[in-house]
N, C-alpha and C. Protein backbone atom coordinates (compact mmCIF):
# COMPACT_ATOMS: atom_id res chain seq x y z
N UNK A 1 32.28 241.75 183.54
CA UNK A 1 33.23 242.37 182.67
C UNK A 1 33.06 241.80 181.26
N UNK A 2 33.01 242.67 180.29
CA UNK A 2 32.83 242.27 178.90
C UNK A 2 34.17 241.89 178.28
N UNK A 3 34.20 240.79 177.60
CA UNK A 3 35.44 240.31 177.00
C UNK A 3 35.67 241.01 175.66
N UNK A 4 36.91 241.27 175.38
CA UNK A 4 37.24 241.93 174.12
C UNK A 4 37.16 240.94 172.96
N UNK A 5 36.97 241.48 171.79
CA UNK A 5 36.90 240.65 170.58
C UNK A 5 38.21 239.92 170.37
N UNK A 6 39.32 240.57 170.65
CA UNK A 6 40.63 239.94 170.49
C UNK A 6 40.78 238.74 171.42
N UNK A 7 40.34 238.88 172.66
CA UNK A 7 40.43 237.78 173.62
C UNK A 7 39.56 236.60 173.18
N UNK A 8 38.35 236.90 172.72
CA UNK A 8 37.46 235.82 172.27
C UNK A 8 38.01 235.15 171.02
N UNK A 9 38.56 235.93 170.10
CA UNK A 9 39.15 235.36 168.89
C UNK A 9 40.31 234.45 169.25
N UNK A 10 41.15 234.89 170.19
CA UNK A 10 42.27 234.07 170.65
C UNK A 10 41.81 232.78 171.29
N UNK A 11 40.77 232.87 172.09
CA UNK A 11 40.24 231.69 172.75
C UNK A 11 39.65 230.71 171.73
N UNK A 12 38.93 231.23 170.75
CA UNK A 12 38.37 230.36 169.70
C UNK A 12 39.49 229.68 168.90
N UNK A 13 40.56 230.41 168.64
CA UNK A 13 41.69 229.81 167.92
C UNK A 13 42.32 228.71 168.75
N UNK A 14 42.43 228.91 170.06
CA UNK A 14 42.99 227.89 170.95
C UNK A 14 42.09 226.65 170.98
N UNK A 15 40.79 226.85 171.04
CA UNK A 15 39.86 225.71 171.02
C UNK A 15 39.92 224.97 169.69
N UNK A 16 40.06 225.71 168.59
CA UNK A 16 40.18 225.07 167.27
C UNK A 16 41.46 224.24 167.21
N UNK A 17 42.55 224.75 167.78
CA UNK A 17 43.81 224.01 167.80
C UNK A 17 43.67 222.76 168.66
N UNK A 18 43.01 222.89 169.77
CA UNK A 18 42.76 221.76 170.66
C UNK A 18 41.93 220.69 169.94
N UNK A 19 40.88 221.12 169.26
CA UNK A 19 40.02 220.16 168.53
C UNK A 19 40.82 219.47 167.42
N UNK A 20 41.68 220.21 166.74
CA UNK A 20 42.50 219.61 165.68
C UNK A 20 43.45 218.57 166.26
N UNK A 21 44.01 218.86 167.40
CA UNK A 21 44.93 217.92 168.05
C UNK A 21 44.18 216.65 168.48
N UNK A 22 42.99 216.82 169.02
CA UNK A 22 42.19 215.66 169.44
C UNK A 22 41.84 214.81 168.21
N UNK A 23 41.49 215.45 167.10
CA UNK A 23 41.19 214.69 165.86
C UNK A 23 42.43 213.94 165.39
N UNK A 24 43.60 214.54 165.50
CA UNK A 24 44.84 213.86 165.10
C UNK A 24 45.08 212.63 165.98
N UNK A 25 44.79 212.75 167.26
CA UNK A 25 44.92 211.60 168.16
C UNK A 25 43.95 210.50 167.73
N UNK A 26 42.70 210.87 167.47
CA UNK A 26 41.70 209.89 167.04
C UNK A 26 42.14 209.20 165.75
N UNK A 27 42.60 209.98 164.79
CA UNK A 27 43.04 209.40 163.51
C UNK A 27 44.21 208.45 163.71
N UNK A 28 45.15 208.85 164.55
CA UNK A 28 46.30 207.99 164.81
C UNK A 28 45.91 206.69 165.47
N UNK A 29 45.02 206.76 166.45
CA UNK A 29 44.53 205.55 167.12
C UNK A 29 43.77 204.66 166.14
N UNK A 30 42.98 205.29 165.26
CA UNK A 30 42.20 204.52 164.28
C UNK A 30 43.08 203.74 163.30
N UNK A 31 44.29 204.22 163.05
CA UNK A 31 45.19 203.56 162.09
C UNK A 31 45.97 202.40 162.71
N UNK A 32 45.94 202.28 164.01
CA UNK A 32 46.72 201.24 164.69
C UNK A 32 46.10 199.87 164.46
N UNK A 33 46.97 198.89 164.27
CA UNK A 33 46.55 197.49 164.14
C UNK A 33 47.49 196.64 164.98
N UNK A 34 46.92 195.72 165.72
CA UNK A 34 47.70 194.76 166.49
C UNK A 34 47.35 193.36 166.02
N UNK A 35 48.33 192.48 165.98
CA UNK A 35 48.11 191.13 165.48
C UNK A 35 48.46 190.12 166.55
N UNK A 36 47.65 189.08 166.64
CA UNK A 36 47.89 188.00 167.58
C UNK A 36 47.66 186.66 166.91
N UNK A 37 48.32 185.64 167.42
CA UNK A 37 48.24 184.30 166.83
C UNK A 37 47.96 183.27 167.91
N UNK A 38 47.31 182.19 167.53
CA UNK A 38 47.16 181.07 168.44
C UNK A 38 48.52 180.38 168.56
N UNK A 39 48.69 179.60 169.61
CA UNK A 39 49.97 178.92 169.83
C UNK A 39 50.38 178.05 168.65
N UNK A 40 49.40 177.45 167.97
CA UNK A 40 49.72 176.58 166.84
C UNK A 40 49.76 177.33 165.51
N UNK A 41 49.49 178.63 165.54
CA UNK A 41 49.57 179.45 164.32
C UNK A 41 48.38 179.28 163.38
N UNK A 42 47.36 178.58 163.80
CA UNK A 42 46.22 178.34 162.92
C UNK A 42 45.16 179.44 162.99
N UNK A 43 45.25 180.30 164.00
CA UNK A 43 44.30 181.41 164.16
C UNK A 43 45.11 182.70 164.20
N UNK A 44 44.70 183.65 163.35
CA UNK A 44 45.31 184.98 163.32
C UNK A 44 44.20 186.00 163.53
N UNK A 45 44.42 186.90 164.49
CA UNK A 45 43.45 187.96 164.76
C UNK A 45 44.13 189.31 164.61
N UNK A 46 43.39 190.27 164.06
CA UNK A 46 43.88 191.64 163.95
C UNK A 46 42.87 192.54 164.66
N UNK A 47 43.38 193.38 165.56
CA UNK A 47 42.55 194.26 166.37
C UNK A 47 42.97 195.70 166.10
N UNK A 48 41.98 196.60 166.03
CA UNK A 48 42.24 198.01 165.80
C UNK A 48 42.64 198.72 167.08
N UNK A 49 43.02 199.98 166.94
CA UNK A 49 43.49 200.78 168.05
C UNK A 49 42.47 201.03 169.14
N UNK A 50 41.22 200.83 168.86
CA UNK A 50 40.16 200.99 169.87
C UNK A 50 39.72 199.65 170.45
N UNK A 51 40.44 198.59 170.08
CA UNK A 51 40.16 197.27 170.63
C UNK A 51 39.17 196.46 169.83
N UNK A 52 38.76 196.95 168.67
CA UNK A 52 37.77 196.23 167.87
C UNK A 52 38.45 195.17 166.99
N UNK A 53 37.83 194.02 166.88
CA UNK A 53 38.32 192.97 166.01
C UNK A 53 38.07 193.39 164.57
N UNK A 54 39.13 193.50 163.78
CA UNK A 54 38.96 193.93 162.39
C UNK A 54 39.21 192.81 161.39
N UNK A 55 39.87 191.75 161.85
CA UNK A 55 40.13 190.63 160.95
C UNK A 55 40.36 189.36 161.77
N UNK A 56 39.82 188.26 161.28
CA UNK A 56 40.03 186.96 161.91
C UNK A 56 40.27 185.96 160.79
N UNK A 57 41.42 185.30 160.85
CA UNK A 57 41.77 184.33 159.82
C UNK A 57 41.93 182.95 160.46
N UNK A 58 41.24 181.99 159.90
CA UNK A 58 41.33 180.61 160.38
C UNK A 58 41.98 179.77 159.29
N UNK A 59 43.10 179.19 159.61
CA UNK A 59 43.77 178.31 158.66
C UNK A 59 42.85 177.11 158.42
N UNK A 60 42.68 176.67 157.18
CA UNK A 60 41.78 175.53 156.91
C UNK A 60 42.11 174.27 157.70
N UNK A 61 43.36 174.11 158.11
CA UNK A 61 43.74 172.93 158.89
C UNK A 61 43.04 172.90 160.25
N UNK A 62 42.50 174.04 160.68
CA UNK A 62 41.85 174.11 162.00
C UNK A 62 40.62 173.20 162.06
N UNK A 63 40.04 172.91 160.90
CA UNK A 63 38.81 172.12 160.86
C UNK A 63 39.05 170.62 160.97
N UNK A 64 40.31 170.23 160.98
CA UNK A 64 40.62 168.80 161.14
C UNK A 64 40.20 168.31 162.53
N UNK A 65 40.36 169.18 163.50
CA UNK A 65 39.97 168.85 164.87
C UNK A 65 38.61 169.51 165.12
N UNK A 66 37.61 168.76 165.38
CA UNK A 66 36.25 169.30 165.52
C UNK A 66 35.89 169.65 166.95
N UNK A 67 36.85 170.13 167.70
CA UNK A 67 36.63 170.49 169.09
C UNK A 67 36.30 171.98 169.15
N UNK A 68 35.04 172.31 169.28
CA UNK A 68 34.58 173.70 169.27
C UNK A 68 35.14 174.49 170.45
N UNK A 69 35.25 173.86 171.58
CA UNK A 69 35.76 174.55 172.78
C UNK A 69 37.23 174.93 172.57
N UNK A 70 38.00 174.02 172.01
CA UNK A 70 39.41 174.31 171.74
C UNK A 70 39.55 175.41 170.70
N UNK A 71 38.72 175.38 169.68
CA UNK A 71 38.75 176.43 168.66
C UNK A 71 38.42 177.78 169.28
N UNK A 72 37.39 177.82 170.10
CA UNK A 72 37.01 179.08 170.75
C UNK A 72 38.14 179.59 171.63
N UNK A 73 38.79 178.70 172.35
CA UNK A 73 39.92 179.09 173.21
C UNK A 73 41.05 179.68 172.38
N UNK A 74 41.35 179.08 171.24
CA UNK A 74 42.40 179.59 170.35
C UNK A 74 42.03 180.97 169.81
N UNK A 75 40.77 181.15 169.44
CA UNK A 75 40.33 182.44 168.90
C UNK A 75 40.43 183.52 169.98
N UNK A 76 39.94 183.21 171.16
CA UNK A 76 39.99 184.19 172.26
C UNK A 76 41.44 184.56 172.57
N UNK A 77 42.33 183.58 172.62
CA UNK A 77 43.74 183.84 172.92
C UNK A 77 44.37 184.72 171.85
N UNK A 78 44.08 184.45 170.58
CA UNK A 78 44.65 185.24 169.49
C UNK A 78 44.12 186.66 169.53
N UNK A 79 42.82 186.83 169.79
CA UNK A 79 42.24 188.17 169.88
C UNK A 79 42.83 188.92 171.07
N UNK A 80 42.98 188.24 172.18
CA UNK A 80 43.57 188.87 173.37
C UNK A 80 44.99 189.34 173.07
N UNK A 81 45.79 188.50 172.45
CA UNK A 81 47.17 188.89 172.09
C UNK A 81 47.18 190.07 171.13
N UNK A 82 46.26 190.06 170.17
CA UNK A 82 46.18 191.17 169.21
C UNK A 82 45.78 192.46 169.91
N UNK A 83 44.86 192.38 170.86
CA UNK A 83 44.43 193.56 171.60
C UNK A 83 45.58 194.12 172.44
N UNK A 84 46.37 193.25 173.04
CA UNK A 84 47.54 193.70 173.80
C UNK A 84 48.54 194.39 172.88
N UNK A 85 48.75 193.81 171.71
CA UNK A 85 49.67 194.40 170.73
C UNK A 85 49.18 195.78 170.30
N UNK A 86 47.89 195.89 169.99
CA UNK A 86 47.32 197.18 169.59
C UNK A 86 47.40 198.18 170.74
N UNK A 87 47.17 197.72 171.95
CA UNK A 87 47.26 198.60 173.12
C UNK A 87 48.66 199.16 173.30
N UNK A 88 49.67 198.30 173.11
CA UNK A 88 51.06 198.77 173.21
C UNK A 88 51.34 199.82 172.13
N UNK A 89 50.87 199.57 170.92
CA UNK A 89 51.08 200.54 169.83
C UNK A 89 50.35 201.85 170.12
N UNK A 90 49.14 201.76 170.64
CA UNK A 90 48.37 202.97 170.96
C UNK A 90 49.07 203.77 172.05
N UNK A 91 49.59 203.08 173.06
CA UNK A 91 50.29 203.77 174.14
C UNK A 91 51.55 204.44 173.60
N UNK A 92 52.29 203.76 172.77
CA UNK A 92 53.50 204.35 172.17
C UNK A 92 53.14 205.59 171.37
N UNK A 93 52.09 205.50 170.57
CA UNK A 93 51.64 206.64 169.76
C UNK A 93 51.23 207.80 170.66
N UNK A 94 50.40 207.52 171.65
CA UNK A 94 49.87 208.58 172.50
C UNK A 94 50.94 209.22 173.37
N UNK A 95 51.92 208.43 173.82
CA UNK A 95 52.97 208.99 174.66
C UNK A 95 53.81 210.02 173.91
N UNK A 96 53.88 209.90 172.59
CA UNK A 96 54.59 210.90 171.79
C UNK A 96 53.90 212.26 171.88
N UNK A 97 52.61 212.24 172.17
CA UNK A 97 51.81 213.46 172.20
C UNK A 97 51.66 214.04 173.60
N UNK A 98 52.01 213.25 174.61
CA UNK A 98 51.80 213.67 176.00
C UNK A 98 53.11 214.13 176.62
N UNK A 99 53.05 215.11 177.49
CA UNK A 99 54.26 215.53 178.20
C UNK A 99 54.84 214.38 179.03
N UNK A 100 56.15 214.30 179.09
CA UNK A 100 56.82 213.22 179.83
C UNK A 100 56.37 213.15 181.29
N UNK A 101 56.13 214.28 181.89
CA UNK A 101 55.76 214.30 183.32
C UNK A 101 54.41 213.64 183.57
N UNK A 102 53.59 213.52 182.56
CA UNK A 102 52.24 212.99 182.75
C UNK A 102 52.13 211.50 182.43
N UNK A 103 53.25 210.82 182.16
CA UNK A 103 53.20 209.42 181.79
C UNK A 103 53.52 208.54 182.98
N UNK A 104 52.74 207.50 183.15
CA UNK A 104 52.96 206.57 184.25
C UNK A 104 52.31 205.25 183.93
N UNK A 105 52.25 204.40 184.94
CA UNK A 105 51.65 203.08 184.74
C UNK A 105 50.17 203.15 184.41
N UNK A 106 49.51 204.21 184.86
CA UNK A 106 48.07 204.33 184.61
C UNK A 106 47.77 205.21 183.39
N UNK A 107 48.75 205.41 182.51
CA UNK A 107 48.58 206.22 181.30
C UNK A 107 47.53 205.59 180.40
N UNK A 108 46.55 206.36 179.98
CA UNK A 108 45.48 205.89 179.11
C UNK A 108 45.67 206.50 177.73
N UNK A 109 46.07 205.69 176.73
CA UNK A 109 46.36 206.25 175.41
C UNK A 109 45.15 206.84 174.70
N UNK A 110 43.96 206.45 175.11
CA UNK A 110 42.77 206.96 174.45
C UNK A 110 42.41 208.37 174.93
N UNK A 111 42.63 208.66 176.20
CA UNK A 111 42.12 209.90 176.75
C UNK A 111 43.18 210.84 177.33
N UNK A 112 44.28 210.31 177.84
CA UNK A 112 45.24 211.18 178.52
C UNK A 112 45.79 212.32 177.66
N UNK A 113 46.19 212.09 176.40
CA UNK A 113 46.70 213.23 175.64
C UNK A 113 45.66 214.35 175.50
N UNK A 114 44.42 213.99 175.23
CA UNK A 114 43.38 215.02 175.09
C UNK A 114 43.10 215.70 176.43
N UNK A 115 43.04 214.92 177.49
CA UNK A 115 42.80 215.50 178.81
C UNK A 115 43.93 216.44 179.21
N UNK A 116 45.15 216.08 178.86
CA UNK A 116 46.28 216.93 179.18
C UNK A 116 46.23 218.24 178.39
N UNK A 117 45.77 218.17 177.14
CA UNK A 117 45.60 219.40 176.36
C UNK A 117 44.53 220.30 176.98
N UNK A 118 43.45 219.71 177.42
CA UNK A 118 42.38 220.49 178.05
C UNK A 118 42.88 221.12 179.34
N UNK A 119 43.62 220.33 180.13
CA UNK A 119 44.17 220.86 181.38
C UNK A 119 45.13 222.02 181.11
N UNK A 120 45.94 221.89 180.07
CA UNK A 120 46.87 222.96 179.70
C UNK A 120 46.09 224.22 179.33
N UNK A 121 45.03 224.06 178.53
CA UNK A 121 44.20 225.22 178.15
C UNK A 121 43.56 225.85 179.37
N UNK A 122 43.09 225.02 180.32
CA UNK A 122 42.48 225.56 181.55
C UNK A 122 43.49 226.33 182.38
N UNK A 123 44.71 225.79 182.49
CA UNK A 123 45.72 226.49 183.30
C UNK A 123 46.12 227.81 182.63
N UNK A 124 46.19 227.82 181.30
CA UNK A 124 46.50 229.08 180.60
C UNK A 124 45.35 230.06 180.77
N UNK A 125 44.12 229.57 180.82
CA UNK A 125 42.95 230.42 181.04
C UNK A 125 43.02 231.06 182.42
N UNK A 126 43.47 230.28 183.40
CA UNK A 126 43.56 230.78 184.76
C UNK A 126 44.61 231.87 184.93
N UNK A 127 45.61 231.89 184.05
CA UNK A 127 46.66 232.90 184.13
C UNK A 127 46.25 234.21 183.48
N UNK A 128 45.15 234.19 182.75
CA UNK A 128 44.72 235.41 182.05
C UNK A 128 43.97 236.32 182.97
């Protein structure tokens, strides 16, 4: 069966809307920043919404103790805390875009909103 021009135009518009929504999700995730600190406050880490380390600040007082293992432990802990903070922010952002029924403990802020949009488009396609 040959598809009408109107049907194809409608489908292309729906795909364009879907792509725009996915780009908005990506942009929102890219703007997220999470911050973490070492217990003594001498290490500050900032992590982006995709989990990448974007900033690491070492207070000059950190060099008074020349224990490399302790310094590495402080850095890892601060980065880990920053990543958790960014993850919470990403989840909060993404949940605003996802239907309430689709949110749970296994909610993935990076992919679930886009996957839910695709599933919605597929179900609407099935009704046609």
